[in-house]
Amino acid sequence: MEKTNLYAYIKFSGNDDFPLEVVTNRLQIQPTETRKLGERSTPNHPINKKVNFYTSWTYKIKKETLSSDDVLSPLLEVFQEKTHIINELKAELNLDVQLELVVNIHGGYTPGLFIHPEFSQFAAAINAGLDIDTYVYPFYEPEEE
């Protein structure tokens, strides 16, 4: 049975094609996922021929946890000192920056959600909101024997 988990990410995106390597080199961080405009979303899928309609650079942290702090704090630790680089990249490459927290609730185990002031200050410094998505999966009662 899956357990409640959370993940947080920062995503740089734009409707225009931008050089992903510029973001990687300037931040000195390897992304966990990238997408290129016009490339297939699932390149090895025999039927799905969908293509990406934008380019994006994403860094994600995922954990089985009941605390939002367990994924937001590590994200902050990686990017907080790079605020000026993030803002330069946004201006130079005409990028949008998105912060996201995703909550997957399994078995009724609901995590605590708390946003530290430092995280809010970071989001404000890069002019990004924090989008929070919550997914609740069905509860299953143990079968009686």
N, C-alpha and C. Protein backbone atom coordinates (compact mmCIF):
# COMPACT_ATOMS: atom_id res chain seq x y z
N MET A 1 0.85 -1.18 0.00
CA MET A 1 0.00 0.00 0.00
C MET A 1 0.89 1.24 0.00
N GLU A 2 0.54 2.18 -0.83
CA GLU A 2 1.30 3.43 -0.88
C GLU A 2 1.07 4.25 0.38
N LYS A 3 2.07 5.04 0.71
CA LYS A 3 1.98 5.92 1.88
C LYS A 3 1.84 7.36 1.43
N THR A 4 1.30 8.18 2.33
CA THR A 4 1.20 9.60 2.04
C THR A 4 2.58 10.14 1.71
N ASN A 5 2.65 10.92 0.64
CA ASN A 5 3.92 11.52 0.25
C ASN A 5 3.69 12.93 -0.26
N LEU A 6 4.75 13.70 -0.21
CA LEU A 6 4.72 15.06 -0.70
C LEU A 6 5.91 15.28 -1.61
N TYR A 7 5.73 16.17 -2.56
CA TYR A 7 6.90 16.64 -3.29
C TYR A 7 6.75 18.12 -3.57
N ALA A 8 7.90 18.75 -3.67
CA ALA A 8 7.96 20.17 -3.96
C ALA A 8 8.93 20.37 -5.11
N TYR A 9 8.65 21.37 -5.93
CA TYR A 9 9.58 21.64 -7.01
C TYR A 9 9.58 23.11 -7.39
N ILE A 10 10.67 23.46 -8.06
CA ILE A 10 10.77 24.77 -8.70
C ILE A 10 10.89 24.49 -10.19
N LYS A 11 10.14 25.23 -10.98
CA LYS A 11 10.15 25.00 -12.43
C LYS A 11 10.34 26.32 -13.16
N PHE A 12 11.29 26.31 -14.08
CA PHE A 12 11.51 27.42 -14.99
C PHE A 12 10.88 27.02 -16.30
N SER A 13 10.02 27.87 -16.85
CA SER A 13 9.37 27.51 -18.11
C SER A 13 9.12 28.75 -18.93
N GLY A 14 8.81 28.50 -20.17
CA GLY A 14 8.46 29.58 -21.09
C GLY A 14 7.83 28.97 -22.31
N ASN A 15 6.96 29.73 -22.96
CA ASN A 15 6.35 29.23 -24.19
C ASN A 15 7.37 29.16 -25.31
N ASP A 16 8.41 29.97 -25.20
CA ASP A 16 9.48 29.94 -26.19
C ASP A 16 10.49 28.88 -25.79
N ASP A 17 11.24 28.46 -26.76
CA ASP A 17 12.31 27.50 -26.52
C ASP A 17 13.48 28.27 -25.91
N PHE A 18 14.02 27.79 -24.81
CA PHE A 18 15.19 28.43 -24.21
C PHE A 18 16.25 27.37 -23.96
N PRO A 19 17.51 27.77 -23.89
CA PRO A 19 18.59 26.80 -23.72
C PRO A 19 18.64 26.28 -22.28
N LEU A 20 18.29 25.02 -22.11
CA LEU A 20 18.27 24.41 -20.77
C LEU A 20 19.64 24.42 -20.12
N GLU A 21 20.69 24.26 -20.93
CA GLU A 21 22.04 24.22 -20.39
C GLU A 21 22.45 25.55 -19.76
N VAL A 22 21.87 26.66 -20.22
CA VAL A 22 22.18 27.96 -19.62
C VAL A 22 21.66 27.99 -18.18
N VAL A 23 20.46 27.51 -17.95
CA VAL A 23 19.89 27.47 -16.61
C VAL A 23 20.73 26.55 -15.72
N THR A 24 21.06 25.38 -16.23
CA THR A 24 21.87 24.42 -15.45
C THR A 24 23.23 25.01 -15.10
N ASN A 25 23.89 25.61 -16.07
CA ASN A 25 25.22 26.16 -15.84
C ASN A 25 25.21 27.34 -14.87
N ARG A 26 24.24 28.21 -15.03
CA ARG A 26 24.19 29.40 -14.16
C ARG A 26 23.83 29.04 -12.73
N LEU A 27 22.89 28.10 -12.56
CA LEU A 27 22.49 27.69 -11.20
C LEU A 27 23.50 26.71 -10.59
N GLN A 28 24.26 26.03 -11.45
CA GLN A 28 25.19 24.99 -11.02
C GLN A 28 24.45 23.88 -10.26
N ILE A 29 23.29 23.52 -10.81
CA ILE A 29 22.43 22.47 -10.25
C ILE A 29 21.92 21.63 -11.42
N GLN A 30 21.92 20.31 -11.24
CA GLN A 30 21.37 19.43 -12.26
C GLN A 30 19.85 19.32 -12.06
N PRO A 31 19.06 19.50 -13.11
CA PRO A 31 17.61 19.37 -12.98
C PRO A 31 17.22 17.91 -12.77
N THR A 32 16.04 17.70 -12.18
CA THR A 32 15.52 16.33 -12.07
C THR A 32 14.67 15.98 -13.29
N GLU A 33 14.25 17.00 -14.03
CA GLU A 33 13.45 16.77 -15.24
C GLU A 33 13.58 17.97 -16.16
N THR A 34 13.62 17.71 -17.46
CA THR A 34 13.58 18.78 -18.45
C THR A 34 12.61 18.39 -19.55
N ARG A 35 12.10 19.40 -20.23
CA ARG A 35 11.25 19.20 -21.40
C ARG A 35 11.68 20.22 -22.45
N LYS A 36 11.64 19.80 -23.69
CA LYS A 36 11.97 20.70 -24.78
C LYS A 36 10.75 20.87 -25.69
N LEU A 37 10.51 22.10 -26.08
CA LEU A 37 9.43 22.43 -27.00
C LEU A 37 9.55 21.57 -28.26
N GLY A 38 8.45 20.91 -28.62
CA GLY A 38 8.40 20.13 -29.85
C GLY A 38 8.86 18.70 -29.73
N GLU A 39 9.53 18.33 -28.64
CA GLU A 39 9.95 16.94 -28.46
C GLU A 39 8.77 16.13 -27.95
N ARG A 40 8.81 14.82 -28.20
CA ARG A 40 7.73 13.95 -27.72
C ARG A 40 7.76 13.86 -26.20
N SER A 41 6.58 13.89 -25.59
CA SER A 41 6.45 13.80 -24.13
C SER A 41 6.94 12.45 -23.62
N THR A 42 6.58 11.40 -24.32
CA THR A 42 7.03 10.04 -23.97
C THR A 42 7.66 9.44 -25.23
N PRO A 43 8.96 9.69 -25.41
CA PRO A 43 9.61 9.33 -26.68
C PRO A 43 9.55 7.86 -27.06
N ASN A 44 9.51 6.96 -26.10
CA ASN A 44 9.53 5.53 -26.42
C ASN A 44 8.16 4.88 -26.44
N HIS A 45 7.12 5.68 -26.26
CA HIS A 45 5.76 5.12 -26.26
C HIS A 45 5.33 4.87 -27.70
N PRO A 46 4.84 3.65 -28.00
CA PRO A 46 4.50 3.33 -29.39
C PRO A 46 3.26 4.05 -29.92
N ILE A 47 2.36 4.47 -29.04
CA ILE A 47 1.11 5.09 -29.49
C ILE A 47 1.07 6.59 -29.20
N ASN A 48 1.49 7.00 -28.01
CA ASN A 48 1.41 8.40 -27.60
C ASN A 48 2.41 9.23 -28.40
N LYS A 49 1.90 10.07 -29.25
CA LYS A 49 2.75 10.91 -30.11
C LYS A 49 2.72 12.38 -29.66
N LYS A 50 2.18 12.65 -28.47
CA LYS A 50 2.07 14.04 -27.99
C LYS A 50 3.46 14.67 -27.89
N VAL A 51 3.50 15.96 -28.20
CA VAL A 51 4.76 16.70 -28.08
C VAL A 51 4.60 17.79 -27.03
N ASN A 52 5.73 18.17 -26.44
CA ASN A 52 5.73 19.24 -25.44
C ASN A 52 5.41 20.56 -26.12
N PHE A 53 4.56 21.36 -25.48
CA PHE A 53 4.23 22.65 -26.04
C PHE A 53 4.98 23.78 -25.35
N TYR A 54 5.95 23.43 -24.52
CA TYR A 54 6.83 24.41 -23.90
C TYR A 54 8.12 23.74 -23.45
N THR A 55 9.11 24.54 -23.16
CA THR A 55 10.38 24.06 -22.62
C THR A 55 10.36 24.33 -21.12
N SER A 56 10.90 23.39 -20.33
CA SER A 56 10.95 23.61 -18.89
C SER A 56 12.16 22.91 -18.26
N TRP A 57 12.60 23.49 -17.15
CA TRP A 57 13.70 22.97 -16.33
C TRP A 57 13.14 22.84 -14.92
N THR A 58 13.17 21.63 -14.34
CA THR A 58 12.53 21.37 -13.05
C THR A 58 13.50 20.69 -12.09
N TYR A 59 13.43 21.12 -10.82
CA TYR A 59 14.17 20.47 -9.74
C TYR A 59 13.14 20.08 -8.68
N LYS A 60 13.06 18.75 -8.38
CA LYS A 60 12.01 18.23 -7.50
C LYS A 60 12.60 17.48 -6.31
N ILE A 61 11.92 17.60 -5.17
CA ILE A 61 12.24 16.84 -3.96
C ILE A 61 10.97 16.11 -3.55
N LYS A 62 11.06 14.76 -3.40
CA LYS A 62 9.89 13.94 -3.04
C LYS A 62 10.24 13.08 -1.84
N LYS A 63 9.29 12.97 -0.88
CA LYS A 63 9.50 12.14 0.30
C LYS A 63 8.17 11.59 0.81
N GLU A 64 8.26 10.39 1.42
CA GLU A 64 7.13 9.89 2.21
C GLU A 64 7.23 10.61 3.54
N THR A 65 6.26 11.47 3.83
CA THR A 65 6.33 12.29 5.03
C THR A 65 4.95 12.82 5.37
N LEU A 66 4.82 13.30 6.59
CA LEU A 66 3.57 13.95 7.02
C LEU A 66 3.83 15.41 7.35
N SER A 67 4.88 15.99 6.78
CA SER A 67 5.21 17.40 7.03
C SER A 67 5.68 18.07 5.75
N SER A 68 5.05 19.17 5.41
CA SER A 68 5.46 19.91 4.22
C SER A 68 6.89 20.45 4.36
N ASP A 69 7.31 20.67 5.58
CA ASP A 69 8.66 21.18 5.82
C ASP A 69 9.74 20.22 5.32
N ASP A 70 9.44 18.93 5.29
CA ASP A 70 10.42 17.94 4.86
C ASP A 70 10.76 18.04 3.37
N VAL A 71 9.93 18.70 2.59
CA VAL A 71 10.24 18.89 1.17
C VAL A 71 10.50 20.36 0.83
N LEU A 72 9.87 21.28 1.57
CA LEU A 72 10.08 22.71 1.27
C LEU A 72 11.43 23.21 1.78
N SER A 73 11.85 22.77 2.96
CA SER A 73 13.14 23.23 3.51
C SER A 73 14.32 22.82 2.64
N PRO A 74 14.40 21.55 2.17
CA PRO A 74 15.51 21.21 1.28
C PRO A 74 15.51 22.01 -0.03
N LEU A 75 14.32 22.30 -0.55
CA LEU A 75 14.23 23.11 -1.76
C LEU A 75 14.78 24.52 -1.49
N LEU A 76 14.40 25.06 -0.35
CA LEU A 76 14.88 26.39 0.04
C LEU A 76 16.40 26.38 0.22
N GLU A 77 16.93 25.34 0.85
CA GLU A 77 18.38 25.25 1.06
C GLU A 77 19.14 25.28 -0.26
N VAL A 78 18.61 24.64 -1.27
CA VAL A 78 19.29 24.57 -2.56
C VAL A 78 19.23 25.90 -3.31
N PHE A 79 18.09 26.60 -3.24
CA PHE A 79 17.88 27.76 -4.11
C PHE A 79 17.90 29.13 -3.43
N GLN A 80 17.83 29.19 -2.13
CA GLN A 80 17.71 30.49 -1.46
C GLN A 80 18.87 31.43 -1.79
N GLU A 81 20.08 30.91 -1.83
CA GLU A 81 21.25 31.75 -2.11
C GLU A 81 21.39 32.08 -3.60
N LYS A 82 20.48 31.58 -4.42
CA LYS A 82 20.56 31.79 -5.86
C LYS A 82 19.46 32.73 -6.36
N THR A 83 18.89 33.48 -5.44
CA THR A 83 17.78 34.38 -5.80
C THR A 83 18.17 35.34 -6.91
N HIS A 84 19.35 35.96 -6.81
CA HIS A 84 19.76 36.93 -7.84
C HIS A 84 19.97 36.24 -9.19
N ILE A 85 20.48 35.01 -9.19
CA ILE A 85 20.67 34.28 -10.45
C ILE A 85 19.32 33.93 -11.06
N ILE A 86 18.38 33.51 -10.22
CA ILE A 86 17.03 33.18 -10.70
C ILE A 86 16.39 34.40 -11.35
N ASN A 87 16.49 35.56 -10.70
CA ASN A 87 15.90 36.78 -11.25
C ASN A 87 16.60 37.21 -12.54
N GLU A 88 17.91 37.02 -12.63
CA GLU A 88 18.63 37.33 -13.87
C GLU A 88 18.17 36.42 -15.00
N LEU A 89 18.05 35.12 -14.71
CA LEU A 89 17.58 34.17 -15.72
C LEU A 89 16.18 34.51 -16.20
N LYS A 90 15.30 34.87 -15.27
CA LYS A 90 13.93 35.25 -15.63
C LYS A 90 13.94 36.41 -16.62
N ALA A 91 14.75 37.42 -16.33
CA ALA A 91 14.80 38.61 -17.18
C ALA A 91 15.47 38.31 -18.52
N GLU A 92 16.60 37.63 -18.49
CA GLU A 92 17.38 37.39 -19.72
C GLU A 92 16.67 36.44 -20.68
N LEU A 93 16.04 35.40 -20.14
CA LEU A 93 15.44 34.37 -21.00
C LEU A 93 13.92 34.46 -21.06
N ASN A 94 13.35 35.47 -20.43
CA ASN A 94 11.91 35.67 -20.40
C ASN A 94 11.19 34.43 -19.86
N LEU A 95 11.60 34.03 -18.64
CA LEU A 95 11.08 32.81 -18.04
C LEU A 95 10.07 33.10 -16.94
N ASP A 96 9.20 32.13 -16.73
CA ASP A 96 8.32 32.11 -15.57
C ASP A 96 8.93 31.13 -14.58
N VAL A 97 8.81 31.44 -13.29
CA VAL A 97 9.28 30.52 -12.26
C VAL A 97 8.08 30.15 -11.40
N GLN A 98 7.93 28.85 -11.19
CA GLN A 98 6.79 28.32 -10.45
C GLN A 98 7.30 27.49 -9.27
N LEU A 99 6.69 27.69 -8.11
CA LEU A 99 6.95 26.85 -6.94
C LEU A 99 5.70 26.03 -6.70
N GLU A 100 5.88 24.74 -6.44
CA GLU A 100 4.74 23.85 -6.30
C GLU A 100 4.95 22.91 -5.13
N LEU A 101 3.87 22.66 -4.40
CA LEU A 101 3.84 21.64 -3.36
C LEU A 101 2.70 20.70 -3.72
N VAL A 102 3.01 19.41 -3.85
CA VAL A 102 1.99 18.41 -4.21
C VAL A 102 1.87 17.44 -3.04
N VAL A 103 0.62 17.21 -2.61
CA VAL A 103 0.32 16.34 -1.48
C VAL A 103 -0.51 15.17 -1.99
N ASN A 104 0.01 13.95 -1.81
CA ASN A 104 -0.71 12.73 -2.18
C ASN A 104 -1.08 12.01 -0.88
N ILE A 105 -2.38 12.02 -0.55
CA ILE A 105 -2.85 11.43 0.71
C ILE A 105 -3.33 10.01 0.46
N HIS A 106 -2.74 9.08 1.20
CA HIS A 106 -3.10 7.66 1.12
C HIS A 106 -3.53 7.20 2.52
N GLY A 107 -4.61 6.43 2.57
CA GLY A 107 -5.04 5.82 3.81
C GLY A 107 -5.50 6.80 4.88
N GLY A 108 -5.82 8.01 4.48
CA GLY A 108 -6.32 8.99 5.43
C GLY A 108 -5.25 9.70 6.24
N TYR A 109 -3.98 9.43 5.97
CA TYR A 109 -2.90 10.09 6.70
C TYR A 109 -2.63 11.45 6.08
N THR A 110 -3.15 12.48 6.74
CA THR A 110 -3.09 13.84 6.23
C THR A 110 -1.88 14.57 6.81
N PRO A 111 -1.03 15.13 5.96
CA PRO A 111 0.15 15.82 6.47
C PRO A 111 -0.18 17.20 7.01
N GLY A 112 0.73 17.70 7.83
CA GLY A 112 0.64 19.09 8.28
C GLY A 112 1.23 19.98 7.21
N LEU A 113 0.58 21.09 6.97
CA LEU A 113 1.07 22.05 5.98
C LEU A 113 1.44 23.34 6.69
N PHE A 114 2.70 23.68 6.61
CA PHE A 114 3.19 24.90 7.22
C PHE A 114 4.23 25.51 6.30
N ILE A 115 4.09 26.80 6.04
CA ILE A 115 5.05 27.52 5.20
C ILE A 115 5.82 28.47 6.10
N HIS A 116 7.12 28.21 6.24
CA HIS A 116 7.97 29.07 7.07
C HIS A 116 8.11 30.45 6.43
N PRO A 117 8.27 31.48 7.25
CA PRO A 117 8.46 32.83 6.70
C PRO A 117 9.64 32.92 5.72
N GLU A 118 10.70 32.16 5.96
CA GLU A 118 11.86 32.19 5.05
C GLU A 118 11.48 31.71 3.65
N PHE A 119 10.60 30.70 3.60
CA PHE A 119 10.17 30.21 2.29
C PHE A 119 9.29 31.26 1.61
N SER A 120 8.42 31.89 2.36
CA SER A 120 7.57 32.95 1.81
C SER A 120 8.41 34.11 1.29
N GLN A 121 9.46 34.46 2.03
CA GLN A 121 10.35 35.54 1.60
C GLN A 121 11.07 35.17 0.31
N PHE A 122 11.51 33.91 0.21
CA PHE A 122 12.17 33.45 -1.01
C PHE A 122 11.20 33.54 -2.19
N ALA A 123 9.98 33.04 -2.01
CA ALA A 123 8.98 33.09 -3.08
C ALA A 123 8.73 34.53 -3.53
N ALA A 124 8.63 35.43 -2.56
CA ALA A 124 8.42 36.85 -2.89
C ALA A 124 9.63 37.43 -3.62
N ALA A 125 10.83 37.04 -3.20
CA ALA A 125 12.05 37.57 -3.81
C ALA A 125 12.19 37.19 -5.28
N ILE A 126 11.62 36.05 -5.66
CA ILE A 126 11.68 35.63 -7.07
C ILE A 126 10.33 35.85 -7.77
N ASN A 127 9.42 36.52 -7.07
CA ASN A 127 8.09 36.84 -7.59
C ASN A 127 7.35 35.59 -8.07
N ALA A 128 7.30 34.59 -7.18
CA ALA A 128 6.62 33.34 -7.51
C ALA A 128 5.64 33.01 -6.40
N GLY A 129 4.46 32.59 -6.77
CA GLY A 129 3.51 32.09 -5.79
C GLY A 129 3.83 30.64 -5.48
N LEU A 130 3.17 30.10 -4.47
CA LEU A 130 3.31 28.68 -4.14
C LEU A 130 1.97 28.02 -4.44
N ASP A 131 1.97 27.18 -5.44
CA ASP A 131 0.77 26.43 -5.82
C ASP A 131 0.75 25.14 -5.02
N ILE A 132 -0.37 24.85 -4.37
CA ILE A 132 -0.49 23.63 -3.57
C ILE A 132 -1.61 22.77 -4.17
N ASP A 133 -1.22 21.57 -4.59
CA ASP A 133 -2.18 20.62 -5.14
C ASP A 133 -2.31 19.45 -4.16
N THR A 134 -3.54 19.02 -3.91
CA THR A 134 -3.79 17.92 -2.98
C THR A 134 -4.59 16.83 -3.69
N TYR A 135 -4.10 15.60 -3.58
CA TYR A 135 -4.78 14.45 -4.16
C TYR A 135 -5.06 13.45 -3.05
N VAL A 136 -6.33 13.07 -2.91
CA VAL A 136 -6.74 12.13 -1.88
C VAL A 136 -7.18 10.85 -2.56
N TYR A 137 -6.52 9.76 -2.19
CA TYR A 137 -6.82 8.47 -2.79
C TYR A 137 -7.77 7.70 -1.88
N PRO A 138 -8.53 6.76 -2.45
CA PRO A 138 -9.56 6.06 -1.67
C PRO A 138 -8.99 5.37 -0.43
N PHE A 139 -9.83 5.35 0.57
CA PHE A 139 -9.47 4.66 1.81
C PHE A 139 -9.92 3.21 1.67
N TYR A 140 -9.12 2.31 2.13
CA TYR A 140 -9.47 0.90 2.09
C TYR A 140 -9.46 0.36 3.50
N GLU A 141 -10.55 -0.28 3.89
CA GLU A 141 -10.63 -0.92 5.20
C GLU A 141 -9.97 -2.27 5.11
N PRO A 142 -9.26 -2.68 6.14
CA PRO A 142 -8.68 -4.04 6.11
C PRO A 142 -9.78 -5.08 6.04
N GLU A 143 -9.52 -6.12 5.26
CA GLU A 143 -10.53 -7.17 5.12
C GLU A 143 -10.56 -8.03 6.38
N GLU A 144 -11.79 -8.38 6.78
CA GLU A 144 -11.96 -9.26 7.94
C GLU A 144 -11.76 -10.69 7.49
N GLU A 145 -11.15 -11.45 8.37
CA GLU A 145 -10.92 -12.87 8.04
C GLU A 145 -11.96 -13.75 8.61
